[in-house]
Amino acid sequence: MSAAEKRMAVFSGSVAPELAEGIADELGIALGDVKLEKFANGEIYARFLSSVRDMDVFLIQSVAGQNVNDALMELLIMADAAKRASARSITAVVSHYGYARQDRKAASREPITAKLVADLMQASGITHIITIDLHVSQIEGYFNIPVDHLTALPVLAEYFRNKNLDNMCVVSPDMGRAKAAKRFADILGCDVAIMHKTRPAHNVAEITALIGDVEGKTCIINDDMIDTGGSVVAAVSSLKAKGAEEVYLCATHAVFSGPAYERLCNCDAKEVVVTDTIPVDKAKCGDKISVVSIAPMLAEAIKDVHGGIAFDGSRHLDIVL
């Protein structure tokens, strides 16, 4: 093991251990030992079981799961422990950035929790962020530390390329996702269509318009996340009504809360493709839901951050927003 490798340590939070193991395998190292426990009243305890002094510490955590607040606090406490143990740098590999949907004040007297989370991460001692497909890119600006914002679009595009689908059309589920949908379509070399939706309430969506021709085409709806599944299931029905031959769903983050599994497994989509930024309950997903791994991409990002390589080289043109 080289001196540089000795100065790097990778640890996993409790939310996405399989992703962390995949990243460690790609790096050719073992995950570091960290003791994560809860006191009787629910308070979180973290202690690194080996020295991290003068090391580049990478904390892999998805701010998601059954208790997103515990996931966030666990990350902050791990970062504080690393800071107090004299780590040289602390990089949070946040595969899913929780609270990203509250990125602005859409009504009076609302919080901007995406900014609050950014402040908390910096206060805990985190010196660098690696994350994937933020809900909106401007969240990068909430940080006063480096942020490497990756996208899973090339990983998902490669999956669909290997399926050899005919007459494809990428569909944006709303106007805000249109730019990403165009980029996805460019990677696949196909047409793009845009849907317009309104949200009368949280987790409720209504599709009101479609821009583009989908008749007889194999449509791929791409979004950054699927939460309860209501929006994308409505989008599938709308595309079918407009004459789409087949409809696939794909998203980076499988939030899958509430009735999501049931809705997705029973909808008219041919397949639902997500990444492993958030663990998927394999017992519930059935044959319709497929998971592709972003561990190789995150491992490459960790190597470059540790080695001091910038993310502006041609090798990374397809994976950085």
C-alpha atoms as a PDB file:
ATOM      1  CA  MET A   1       0.000   0.000   0.000  1.00  0.00           C
ATOM      2  CA  SER A   2       1.423   3.378  -1.006  1.00  0.00           C
ATOM      3  CA  ALA A   3       1.759   6.354   1.299  1.00  0.00           C
ATOM      4  CA  ALA A   4      -1.077   8.079  -0.565  1.00  0.00           C
ATOM      5  CA  GLU A   5      -3.372   5.104  -0.027  1.00  0.00           C
ATOM      6  CA  LYS A   6      -2.502   5.060   3.673  1.00  0.00           C
ATOM      7  CA  ARG A   7      -3.749   8.626   3.954  1.00  0.00           C
ATOM      8  CA  MET A   8      -7.233   7.742   2.665  1.00  0.00           C
ATOM      9  CA  ALA A   9      -9.995   6.139   4.727  1.00  0.00           C
ATOM     10  CA  VAL A  10     -13.528   5.368   3.544  1.00  0.00           C
ATOM     11  CA  PHE A  11     -16.375   4.847   5.985  1.00  0.00           C
ATOM     12  CA  SER A  12     -20.035   3.980   5.506  1.00  0.00           C
ATOM     13  CA  GLY A  13     -23.056   5.361   7.268  1.00  0.00           C
ATOM     14  CA  SER A  14     -25.907   2.989   8.050  1.00  0.00           C
ATOM     15  CA  VAL A  15     -28.253   3.926   5.179  1.00  0.00           C
ATOM     16  CA  ALA A  16     -26.532   2.512   2.078  1.00  0.00           C
ATOM     17  CA  PRO A  17     -23.952  -0.106   3.167  1.00  0.00           C
ATOM     18  CA  GLU A  18     -24.189  -2.085  -0.098  1.00  0.00           C
ATOM     19  CA  LEU A  19     -23.336   1.015  -2.138  1.00  0.00           C
ATOM     20  CA  ALA A  20     -20.405   1.704   0.195  1.00  0.00           C
ATOM     21  CA  GLU A  21     -19.151  -1.863  -0.209  1.00  0.00           C
ATOM     22  CA  GLY A  22     -19.385  -1.489  -3.982  1.00  0.00           C
ATOM     23  CA  ILE A  23     -17.353   1.714  -3.858  1.00  0.00           C
ATOM     24  CA  ALA A  24     -14.725   0.094  -1.632  1.00  0.00           C
ATOM     25  CA  ASP A  25     -14.472  -2.867  -4.024  1.00  0.00           C
ATOM     26  CA  GLU A  26     -13.938  -0.471  -6.941  1.00  0.00           C
ATOM     27  CA  LEU A  27     -11.224   1.314  -4.948  1.00  0.00           C
ATOM     28  CA  GLY A  28      -9.605  -1.982  -3.978  1.00  0.00           C
ATOM     29  CA  ILE A  29      -9.714  -1.193  -0.259  1.00  0.00           C
ATOM     30  CA  ALA A  30     -11.665  -2.280   2.797  1.00  0.00           C
ATOM     31  CA  LEU A  31     -14.167   0.023   4.439  1.00  0.00           C
ATOM     32  CA  GLY A  32     -12.934   1.561   7.665  1.00  0.00           C
ATOM     33  CA  ASP A  33     -14.415   0.457  10.976  1.00  0.00           C
ATOM     34  CA  VAL A  34     -16.794   2.900  12.606  1.00  0.00           C
ATOM     35  CA  LYS A  35     -19.018   2.215  15.588  1.00  0.00           C
ATOM     36  CA  LEU A  36     -22.538   3.572  15.055  1.00  0.00           C
ATOM     37  CA  GLU A  37     -25.048   3.161  17.854  1.00  0.00           C
ATOM     38  CA  LYS A  38     -28.080   4.824  19.386  1.00  0.00           C
ATOM     39  CA  PHE A  39     -28.665   5.671  23.009  1.00  0.00           C
ATOM     40  CA  ALA A  40     -31.950   4.574  24.574  1.00  0.00           C
ATOM     41  CA  ASN A  41     -33.516   7.958  23.807  1.00  0.00           C
ATOM     42  CA  GLY A  42     -32.566   7.785  20.117  1.00  0.00           C
ATOM     43  CA  GLU A  43     -29.459   9.989  20.195  1.00  0.00           C
ATOM     44  CA  ILE A  44     -26.754   8.856  17.762  1.00  0.00           C
ATOM     45  CA  TYR A  45     -23.221   7.855  18.757  1.00  0.00           C
ATOM     46  CA  ALA A  46     -20.258   7.474  16.366  1.00  0.00           C
ATOM     47  CA  ARG A  47     -16.637   6.497  16.975  1.00  0.00           C
ATOM     48  CA  PHE A  48     -13.921   5.592  14.472  1.00  0.00           C
ATOM     49  CA  LEU A  49     -12.187   2.396  15.586  1.00  0.00           C
ATOM     50  CA  SER A  50      -8.861   3.275  13.983  1.00  0.00           C
ATOM     51  CA  SER A  51      -6.858   6.472  13.609  1.00  0.00           C
ATOM     52  CA  VAL A  52      -7.867   8.993  10.929  1.00  0.00           C
ATOM     53  CA  ARG A  53      -5.201  11.553  11.863  1.00  0.00           C
ATOM     54  CA  ASP A  54      -3.907  13.425   8.792  1.00  0.00           C
ATOM     55  CA  MET A  55      -6.041  11.255   6.480  1.00  0.00           C
ATOM     56  CA  ASP A  56      -8.438  12.147   3.699  1.00  0.00           C
ATOM     57  CA  VAL A  57     -11.671  10.791   5.162  1.00  0.00           C
ATOM     58  CA  PHE A  58     -14.602   9.915   2.896  1.00  0.00           C
ATOM     59  CA  LEU A  59     -18.012   9.407   4.525  1.00  0.00           C
ATOM     60  CA  ILE A  60     -20.538   7.588   2.343  1.00  0.00           C
ATOM     61  CA  GLN A  61     -24.100   8.353   3.340  1.00  0.00           C
ATOM     62  CA  SER A  62     -27.477   8.708   1.664  1.00  0.00           C
ATOM     63  CA  VAL A  63     -29.668  11.277   3.402  1.00  0.00           C
ATOM     64  CA  ALA A  64     -32.747   9.158   2.821  1.00  0.00           C
ATOM     65  CA  GLY A  65     -34.459   6.039   4.094  1.00  0.00           C
ATOM     66  CA  GLN A  66     -37.131   5.383   6.684  1.00  0.00           C
ATOM     67  CA  ASN A  67     -35.787   8.166   8.889  1.00  0.00           C
ATOM     68  CA  VAL A  68     -34.115  10.843   6.807  1.00  0.00           C
ATOM     69  CA  ASN A  69     -33.442  12.949   9.910  1.00  0.00           C
ATOM     70  CA  ASP A  70     -31.434  10.172  11.564  1.00  0.00           C
ATOM     71  CA  ALA A  71     -29.486   9.719   8.320  1.00  0.00           C
ATOM     72  CA  LEU A  72     -28.564  13.408   8.286  1.00  0.00           C
ATOM     73  CA  MET A  73     -27.611  13.506  11.965  1.00  0.00           C
ATOM     74  CA  GLU A  74     -25.502  10.375  11.591  1.00  0.00           C
ATOM     75  CA  LEU A  75     -23.514  12.024   8.799  1.00  0.00           C
ATOM     76  CA  LEU A  76     -23.014  15.217  10.812  1.00  0.00           C
ATOM     77  CA  ILE A  77     -21.900  13.299  13.906  1.00  0.00           C
ATOM     78  CA  MET A  78     -19.463  11.162  11.908  1.00  0.00           C
ATOM     79  CA  ALA A  79     -18.013  14.329  10.377  1.00  0.00           C
ATOM     80  CA  ASP A  80     -17.641  15.939  13.803  1.00  0.00           C
ATOM     81  CA  ALA A  81     -15.884  12.841  15.106  1.00  0.00           C
ATOM     82  CA  ALA A  82     -13.465  12.876  12.153  1.00  0.00           C
ATOM     83  CA  LYS A  83     -12.754  16.586  12.625  1.00  0.00           C
ATOM     84  CA  ARG A  84     -12.002  16.100  16.321  1.00  0.00           C
ATOM     85  CA  ALA A  85      -9.772  13.130  15.440  1.00  0.00           C
ATOM     86  CA  SER A  86      -7.575  15.437  13.295  1.00  0.00           C
ATOM     87  CA  ALA A  87      -8.582  14.215   9.848  1.00  0.00           C
ATOM     88  CA  ARG A  88      -6.795  16.188   7.132  1.00  0.00           C
ATOM     89  CA  SER A  89      -9.970  16.532   5.039  1.00  0.00           C
ATOM     90  CA  ILE A  90     -13.545  15.256   5.305  1.00  0.00           C
ATOM     91  CA  THR A  91     -15.453  14.542   2.105  1.00  0.00           C
ATOM     92  CA  ALA A  92     -19.126  13.645   2.373  1.00  0.00           C
ATOM     93  CA  VAL A  93     -20.183  11.351  -0.464  1.00  0.00           C
ATOM     94  CA  VAL A  94     -23.893  12.162  -0.284  1.00  0.00           C
ATOM     95  CA  SER A  95     -25.505   9.838  -2.805  1.00  0.00           C
ATOM     96  CA  HIS A  96     -28.911  11.412  -2.111  1.00  0.00           C
ATOM     97  CA  TYR A  97     -29.148  14.943  -0.733  1.00  0.00           C
ATOM     98  CA  GLY A  98     -32.182  15.032   1.528  1.00  0.00           C
ATOM     99  CA  TYR A  99     -34.330  18.154   1.855  1.00  0.00           C
ATOM    100  CA  ALA A 100     -33.287  19.281  -1.646  1.00  0.00           C
ATOM    101  CA  ARG A 101     -36.886  19.869  -2.720  1.00  0.00           C
ATOM    102  CA  GLN A 102     -37.211  22.796  -0.319  1.00  0.00           C
ATOM    103  CA  ASP A 103     -34.696  24.908  -2.229  1.00  0.00           C
ATOM    104  CA  ARG A 104     -36.569  28.240  -2.230  1.00  0.00           C
ATOM    105  CA  LYS A 105     -39.510  30.008  -0.653  1.00  0.00           C
ATOM    106  CA  ALA A 106     -42.476  29.114  -2.824  1.00  0.00           C
ATOM    107  CA  ALA A 107     -44.827  30.775  -0.321  1.00  0.00           C
ATOM    108  CA  SER A 108     -44.443  33.188   2.552  1.00  0.00           C
ATOM    109  CA  ARG A 109     -43.174  31.911   5.933  1.00  0.00           C
ATOM    110  CA  GLU A 110     -41.574  28.778   4.440  1.00  0.00           C
ATOM    111  CA  PRO A 111     -38.043  27.519   5.226  1.00  0.00           C
ATOM    112  CA  ILE A 112     -35.240  26.898   2.739  1.00  0.00           C
ATOM    113  CA  THR A 113     -34.119  23.589   4.172  1.00  0.00           C
ATOM    114  CA  ALA A 114     -31.712  22.748   1.328  1.00  0.00           C
ATOM    115  CA  LYS A 115     -29.636  25.747   2.478  1.00  0.00           C
ATOM    116  CA  LEU A 116     -30.044  24.796   6.143  1.00  0.00           C
ATOM    117  CA  VAL A 117     -28.673  21.306   5.447  1.00  0.00           C
ATOM    118  CA  ALA A 118     -25.721  22.813   3.579  1.00  0.00           C
ATOM    119  CA  ASP A 119     -24.954  25.048   6.579  1.00  0.00           C
ATOM    120  CA  LEU A 120     -25.165  22.096   8.970  1.00  0.00           C
ATOM    121  CA  MET A 121     -22.801  20.009   6.852  1.00  0.00           C
ATOM    122  CA  GLN A 122     -20.208  22.768   6.763  1.00  0.00           C
ATOM    123  CA  ALA A 123     -20.554  23.454  10.481  1.00  0.00           C
ATOM    124  CA  SER A 124     -19.915  19.767  11.228  1.00  0.00           C
ATOM    125  CA  GLY A 125     -16.470  19.967   9.618  1.00  0.00           C
ATOM    126  CA  ILE A 126     -17.154  18.610   6.124  1.00  0.00           C
ATOM    127  CA  THR A 127     -14.684  20.174   3.684  1.00  0.00           C
ATOM    128  CA  HIS A 128     -15.876  18.722   0.362  1.00  0.00           C
ATOM    129  CA  ILE A 129     -19.120  17.322  -1.060  1.00  0.00           C
ATOM    130  CA  ILE A 130     -19.610  14.682  -3.749  1.00  0.00           C
ATOM    131  CA  THR A 131     -23.250  14.229  -4.691  1.00  0.00           C
ATOM    132  CA  ILE A 132     -25.436  13.011  -7.535  1.00  0.00           C
ATOM    133  CA  ASP A 133     -28.339  14.656  -9.353  1.00  0.00           C
ATOM    134  CA  LEU A 134     -29.372  17.372  -6.956  1.00  0.00           C
ATOM    135  CA  HIS A 135     -33.025  18.321  -7.287  1.00  0.00           C
ATOM    136  CA  VAL A 136     -31.849  21.702  -8.588  1.00  0.00           C
ATOM    137  CA  SER A 137     -28.267  22.564  -9.518  1.00  0.00           C
ATOM    138  CA  GLN A 138     -28.261  25.899  -7.695  1.00  0.00           C
ATOM    139  CA  ILE A 139     -28.009  24.038  -4.376  1.00  0.00           C
ATOM    140  CA  GLU A 140     -24.273  23.917  -5.151  1.00  0.00           C
ATOM    141  CA  GLY A 141     -24.254  27.648  -4.461  1.00  0.00           C
ATOM    142  CA  TYR A 142     -25.499  27.109  -0.912  1.00  0.00           C
ATOM    143  CA  PHE A 143     -22.047  25.750  -0.026  1.00  0.00           C
ATOM    144  CA  ASN A 144     -18.832  27.662   0.607  1.00  0.00           C
ATOM    145  CA  ILE A 145     -16.807  24.478   0.119  1.00  0.00           C
ATOM    146  CA  PRO A 146     -16.100  22.515  -3.101  1.00  0.00           C
ATOM    147  CA  VAL A 147     -19.038  20.527  -4.482  1.00  0.00           C
ATOM    148  CA  ASP A 148     -18.654  17.887  -7.193  1.00  0.00           C
ATOM    149  CA  HIS A 149     -22.128  17.446  -8.636  1.00  0.00           C
ATOM    150  CA  LEU A 150     -22.274  14.262 -10.705  1.00  0.00           C
ATOM    151  CA  THR A 151     -25.120  12.933 -12.802  1.00  0.00           C
ATOM    152  CA  ALA A 152     -26.306   9.366 -13.328  1.00  0.00           C
ATOM    153  CA  LEU A 153     -27.508  10.109 -16.875  1.00  0.00           C
ATOM    154  CA  PRO A 154     -24.598   8.308 -18.613  1.00  0.00           C
ATOM    155  CA  VAL A 155     -25.078   5.238 -16.409  1.00  0.00           C
ATOM    156  CA  LEU A 156     -28.798   5.124 -17.181  1.00  0.00           C
ATOM    157  CA  ALA A 157     -28.173   5.831 -20.881  1.00  0.00           C
ATOM    158  CA  GLU A 158     -25.764   2.919 -21.092  1.00  0.00           C
ATOM    159  CA  TYR A 159     -28.419   0.654 -19.584  1.00  0.00           C
ATOM    160  CA  PHE A 160     -30.962   1.637 -22.229  1.00  0.00           C
ATOM    161  CA  ARG A 161     -28.415   1.474 -25.049  1.00  0.00           C
ATOM    162  CA  ASN A 162     -27.792  -2.157 -24.158  1.00  0.00           C
ATOM    163  CA  LYS A 163     -31.526  -2.887 -24.490  1.00  0.00           C
ATOM    164  CA  ASN A 164     -31.388  -1.933 -28.208  1.00  0.00           C
ATOM    165  CA  LEU A 165     -34.795  -0.251 -28.133  1.00  0.00           C
ATOM    166  CA  ASP A 166     -36.288   1.090 -31.366  1.00  0.00           C
ATOM    167  CA  ASN A 167     -37.795   4.526 -32.024  1.00  0.00           C
ATOM    168  CA  MET A 168     -36.920   5.962 -28.610  1.00  0.00           C
ATOM    169  CA  CYS A 169     -38.093   9.283 -27.206  1.00  0.00           C
ATOM    170  CA  VAL A 170     -36.941  10.736 -23.877  1.00  0.00           C
ATOM    171  CA  VAL A 171     -39.757  12.453 -22.001  1.00  0.00           C
ATOM    172  CA  SER A 172     -39.303  15.105 -19.328  1.00  0.00           C
ATOM    173  CA  PRO A 173     -42.033  14.748 -16.668  1.00  0.00           C
ATOM    174  CA  ASP A 174     -42.094  18.531 -16.121  1.00  0.00           C
ATOM    175  CA  MET A 175     -40.610  21.769 -17.423  1.00  0.00           C
ATOM    176  CA  GLY A 176     -37.909  21.852 -14.752  1.00  0.00           C
ATOM    177  CA  ARG A 177     -36.432  18.577 -15.973  1.00  0.00           C
ATOM    178  CA  ALA A 178     -36.411  19.603 -19.647  1.00  0.00           C
ATOM    179  CA  LYS A 179     -32.699  20.469 -19.837  1.00  0.00           C
ATOM    180  CA  ALA A 180     -31.656  17.131 -18.317  1.00  0.00           C
ATOM    181  CA  ALA A 181     -34.081  15.293 -20.628  1.00  0.00           C
ATOM    182  CA  LYS A 182     -32.526  17.006 -23.655  1.00  0.00           C
ATOM    183  CA  ARG A 183     -29.075  15.963 -22.497  1.00  0.00           C
ATOM    184  CA  PHE A 184     -30.269  12.393 -21.924  1.00  0.00           C
ATOM    185  CA  ALA A 185     -31.825  12.347 -25.395  1.00  0.00           C
ATOM    186  CA  ASP A 186     -28.577  13.655 -26.911  1.00  0.00           C
ATOM    187  CA  ILE A 187     -26.610  10.840 -25.263  1.00  0.00           C
ATOM    188  CA  LEU A 188     -29.078   8.280 -26.644  1.00  0.00           C
ATOM    189  CA  GLY A 189     -29.405  10.049 -30.006  1.00  0.00           C
ATOM    190  CA  CYS A 190     -33.190  10.239 -29.957  1.00  0.00           C
ATOM    191  CA  ASP A 191     -36.114  12.678 -29.811  1.00  0.00           C
ATOM    192  CA  VAL A 192     -37.294  14.522 -26.707  1.00  0.00           C
ATOM    193  CA  ALA A 193     -40.762  15.474 -25.430  1.00  0.00           C
ATOM    194  CA  ILE A 194     -41.797  17.594 -22.453  1.00  0.00           C
ATOM    195  CA  MET A 195     -44.790  17.229 -20.162  1.00  0.00           C
ATOM    196  CA  HIS A 196     -46.274  20.017 -18.073  1.00  0.00           C
ATOM    197  CA  LYS A 197     -47.636  19.251 -14.633  1.00  0.00           C
ATOM    198  CA  THR A 198     -49.111  21.200 -11.759  1.00  0.00           C
ATOM    199  CA  ARG A 199     -48.947  20.363  -8.047  1.00  0.00           C
ATOM    200  CA  PRO A 200     -52.150  21.221  -6.180  1.00  0.00           C
ATOM    201  CA  ALA A 201     -50.629  19.722  -3.005  1.00  0.00           C
ATOM    202  CA  HIS A 202     -47.452  18.008  -1.760  1.00  0.00           C
ATOM    203  CA  ASN A 203     -46.929  14.605  -3.455  1.00  0.00           C
ATOM    204  CA  VAL A 204     -49.883  15.300  -5.776  1.00  0.00           C
ATOM    205  CA  ALA A 205     -49.363  16.013  -9.493  1.00  0.00           C
ATOM    206  CA  GLU A 206     -51.624  16.583 -12.497  1.00  0.00           C
ATOM    207  CA  ILE A 207     -50.367  16.309 -16.106  1.00  0.00           C
ATOM    208  CA  THR A 208     -51.894  19.163 -18.111  1.00  0.00           C
ATOM    209  CA  ALA A 209     -49.979  19.284 -21.432  1.00  0.00           C
ATOM    210  CA  LEU A 210     -47.486  17.454 -23.666  1.00  0.00           C
ATOM    211  CA  ILE A 211     -44.996  19.090 -26.048  1.00  0.00           C
ATOM    212  CA  GLY A 212     -43.680  16.704 -28.685  1.00  0.00           C
ATOM    213  CA  ASP A 213     -44.746  13.647 -30.676  1.00  0.00           C
ATOM    214  CA  VAL A 214     -44.826  10.318 -28.825  1.00  0.00           C
ATOM    215  CA  GLU A 215     -47.209   8.321 -31.012  1.00  0.00           C
ATOM    216  CA  GLY A 216     -45.843   4.857 -31.779  1.00  0.00           C
ATOM    217  CA  LYS A 217     -42.618   5.549 -29.899  1.00  0.00           C
ATOM    218  CA  THR A 218     -40.793   3.862 -27.043  1.00  0.00           C
ATOM    219  CA  CYS A 219     -40.852   6.560 -24.396  1.00  0.00           C
ATOM    220  CA  ILE A 220     -38.359   6.851 -21.532  1.00  0.00           C
ATOM    221  CA  ILE A 221     -39.504   9.147 -18.734  1.00  0.00           C
ATOM    222  CA  ASN A 222     -36.473  10.474 -16.862  1.00  0.00           C
ATOM    223  CA  ASP A 223     -36.609  12.213 -13.484  1.00  0.00           C
ATOM    224  CA  ASP A 224     -34.186  12.909 -10.652  1.00  0.00           C
ATOM    225  CA  MET A 225     -36.303  10.997  -8.123  1.00  0.00           C
ATOM    226  CA  ILE A 226     -39.414   8.917  -7.673  1.00  0.00           C
ATOM    227  CA  ASP A 227     -41.073   9.506  -4.310  1.00  0.00           C
ATOM    228  CA  THR A 228     -44.649   8.228  -3.958  1.00  0.00           C
ATOM    229  CA  GLY A 229     -44.834   7.432  -7.672  1.00  0.00           C
ATOM    230  CA  GLY A 230     -47.999   9.424  -8.299  1.00  0.00           C
ATOM    231  CA  SER A 231     -46.456  11.845 -10.812  1.00  0.00           C
ATOM    232  CA  VAL A 232     -44.682   9.292 -12.954  1.00  0.00           C
ATOM    233  CA  VAL A 233     -47.591   6.839 -12.961  1.00  0.00           C
ATOM    234  CA  ALA A 234     -49.864   9.661 -14.167  1.00  0.00           C
ATOM    235  CA  ALA A 235     -47.255  10.494 -16.809  1.00  0.00           C
ATOM    236  CA  VAL A 236     -47.201   6.886 -18.026  1.00  0.00           C
ATOM    237  CA  SER A 237     -50.988   6.877 -18.401  1.00  0.00           C
ATOM    238  CA  SER A 238     -50.891  10.180 -20.293  1.00  0.00           C
ATOM    239  CA  LEU A 239     -48.252   8.930 -22.722  1.00  0.00           C
ATOM    240  CA  LYS A 240     -50.186   5.734 -23.345  1.00  0.00           C
ATOM    241  CA  ALA A 241     -53.284   7.814 -24.059  1.00  0.00           C
ATOM    242  CA  LYS A 242     -51.233   9.851 -26.552  1.00  0.00           C
ATOM    243  CA  GLY A 243     -50.299   6.706 -28.464  1.00  0.00           C
ATOM    244  CA  ALA A 244     -46.917   5.723 -27.020  1.00  0.00           C
ATOM    245  CA  GLU A 245     -46.010   2.126 -27.894  1.00  0.00           C
ATOM    246  CA  GLU A 246     -44.108   1.382 -24.683  1.00  0.00           C
ATOM    247  CA  VAL A 247     -43.138   3.498 -21.677  1.00  0.00           C
ATOM    248  CA  TYR A 248     -40.097   3.060 -19.447  1.00  0.00           C
ATOM    249  CA  LEU A 249     -39.467   4.969 -16.235  1.00  0.00           C
ATOM    250  CA  CYS A 250     -35.999   5.852 -15.013  1.00  0.00           C
ATOM    251  CA  ALA A 251     -34.757   7.980 -12.134  1.00  0.00           C
ATOM    252  CA  THR A 252     -31.575   8.443 -10.159  1.00  0.00           C
ATOM    253  CA  HIS A 253     -33.086   8.336  -6.668  1.00  0.00           C
ATOM    254  CA  ALA A 254     -35.550   5.632  -5.608  1.00  0.00           C
ATOM    255  CA  VAL A 255     -37.117   7.440  -2.642  1.00  0.00           C
ATOM    256  CA  PHE A 256     -40.120   5.085  -2.904  1.00  0.00           C
ATOM    257  CA  SER A 257     -42.212   6.248   0.036  1.00  0.00           C
ATOM    258  CA  GLY A 258     -45.808   5.365   0.900  1.00  0.00           C
ATOM    259  CA  PRO A 259     -47.609   3.510  -1.913  1.00  0.00           C
ATOM    260  CA  ALA A 260     -44.716   3.814  -4.401  1.00  0.00           C
ATOM    261  CA  TYR A 261     -43.876   0.116  -4.767  1.00  0.00           C
ATOM    262  CA  GLU A 262     -47.500  -0.872  -5.310  1.00  0.00           C
ATOM    263  CA  ARG A 263     -48.110   1.938  -7.791  1.00  0.00           C
ATOM    264  CA  LEU A 264     -44.993   1.241  -9.817  1.00  0.00           C
ATOM    265  CA  CYS A 265     -45.453  -2.514  -9.940  1.00  0.00           C
ATOM    266  CA  ASN A 266     -49.067  -2.124 -11.100  1.00  0.00           C
ATOM    267  CA  CYS A 267     -48.640   0.730 -13.592  1.00  0.00           C
ATOM    268  CA  ASP A 268     -48.449   0.422 -17.383  1.00  0.00           C
ATOM    269  CA  ALA A 269     -44.699   1.078 -17.551  1.00  0.00           C
ATOM    270  CA  LYS A 270     -42.666  -1.682 -19.175  1.00  0.00           C
ATOM    271  CA  GLU A 271     -39.845  -1.293 -16.642  1.00  0.00           C
ATOM    272  CA  VAL A 272     -38.735   1.043 -13.842  1.00  0.00           C
ATOM    273  CA  VAL A 273     -34.985   1.662 -13.751  1.00  0.00           C
ATOM    274  CA  VAL A 274     -33.295   3.365 -10.778  1.00  0.00           C
ATOM    275  CA  THR A 275     -29.795   3.578  -9.311  1.00  0.00           C
ATOM    276  CA  ASP A 276     -28.571   2.466  -5.902  1.00  0.00           C
ATOM    277  CA  THR A 277     -28.129   5.949  -4.405  1.00  0.00           C
ATOM    278  CA  ILE A 278     -30.906   4.833  -2.041  1.00  0.00           C
ATOM    279  CA  PRO A 279     -31.354   1.142  -1.148  1.00  0.00           C
ATOM    280  CA  VAL A 280     -34.305  -0.540  -2.845  1.00  0.00           C
ATOM    281  CA  ASP A 281     -36.362  -3.124  -0.975  1.00  0.00           C
ATOM    282  CA  LYS A 282     -35.742  -6.168  -3.168  1.00  0.00           C
ATOM    283  CA  ALA A 283     -38.611  -8.057  -1.557  1.00  0.00           C
ATOM    284  CA  LYS A 284     -41.061  -5.423  -2.811  1.00  0.00           C
ATOM    285  CA  CYS A 285     -39.654  -4.439  -6.186  1.00  0.00           C
ATOM    286  CA  GLY A 286     -40.551  -7.542  -8.204  1.00  0.00           C
ATOM    287  CA  ASP A 287     -39.413  -8.004 -11.806  1.00  0.00           C
ATOM    288  CA  LYS A 288     -40.545  -4.585 -12.994  1.00  0.00           C
ATOM    289  CA  ILE A 289     -37.980  -2.562 -11.002  1.00  0.00           C
ATOM    290  CA  SER A 290     -34.308  -2.759 -12.012  1.00  0.00           C
ATOM    291  CA  VAL A 291     -31.356  -1.237 -10.166  1.00  0.00           C
ATOM    292  CA  VAL A 292     -28.076  -0.114 -11.739  1.00  0.00           C
ATOM    293  CA  SER A 293     -25.060   0.803  -9.619  1.00  0.00           C
ATOM    294  CA  ILE A 294     -23.300   4.152  -9.510  1.00  0.00           C
ATOM    295  CA  ALA A 295     -20.509   2.748  -7.303  1.00  0.00           C
ATOM    296  CA  PRO A 296     -17.900   2.812 -10.133  1.00  0.00           C
ATOM    297  CA  MET A 297     -18.605   6.476 -10.839  1.00  0.00           C
ATOM    298  CA  LEU A 298     -18.414   7.458  -7.174  1.00  0.00           C
ATOM    299  CA  ALA A 299     -15.206   5.467  -6.725  1.00  0.00           C
ATOM    300  CA  GLU A 300     -13.647   7.337  -9.641  1.00  0.00           C
ATOM    301  CA  ALA A 301     -14.696  10.641  -8.091  1.00  0.00           C
ATOM    302  CA  ILE A 302     -13.161   9.644  -4.750  1.00  0.00           C
ATOM    303  CA  LYS A 303      -9.895   8.694  -6.465  1.00  0.00           C
ATOM    304  CA  ASP A 304      -9.731  12.066  -8.176  1.00  0.00           C
ATOM    305  CA  VAL A 305     -10.568  14.089  -5.069  1.00  0.00           C
ATOM    306  CA  HIS A 306      -7.971  12.166  -3.083  1.00  0.00           C
ATOM    307  CA  GLY A 307      -5.402  12.560  -5.862  1.00  0.00           C
ATOM    308  CA  GLY A 308      -6.128  16.246  -6.363  1.00  0.00           C
ATOM    309  CA  ILE A 309      -7.358  15.778  -9.935  1.00  0.00           C
ATOM    310  CA  ALA A 310      -9.864  18.378 -11.156  1.00  0.00           C
ATOM    311  CA  PHE A 311     -13.210  17.358 -12.612  1.00  0.00           C
ATOM    312  CA  ASP A 312     -12.819  19.510 -15.738  1.00  0.00           C
ATOM    313  CA  GLY A 313     -10.887  17.032 -17.881  1.00  0.00           C
ATOM    314  CA  SER A 314     -12.318  15.319 -20.948  1.00  0.00           C
ATOM    315  CA  ARG A 315     -12.469  12.034 -19.024  1.00  0.00           C
ATOM    316  CA  HIS A 316     -15.315  13.466 -16.955  1.00  0.00           C
ATOM    317  CA  LEU A 317     -17.352  15.365 -19.518  1.00  0.00           C
ATOM    318  CA  ASP A 318     -20.152  12.837 -19.349  1.00  0.00           C
ATOM    319  CA  ILE A 319     -20.462  12.595 -15.580  1.00  0.00           C
ATOM    320  CA  VAL A 320     -20.380  16.134 -14.234  1.00  0.00           C
ATOM    321  CA  LEU A 321     -23.156  18.698 -14.325  1.00  0.00           C
END
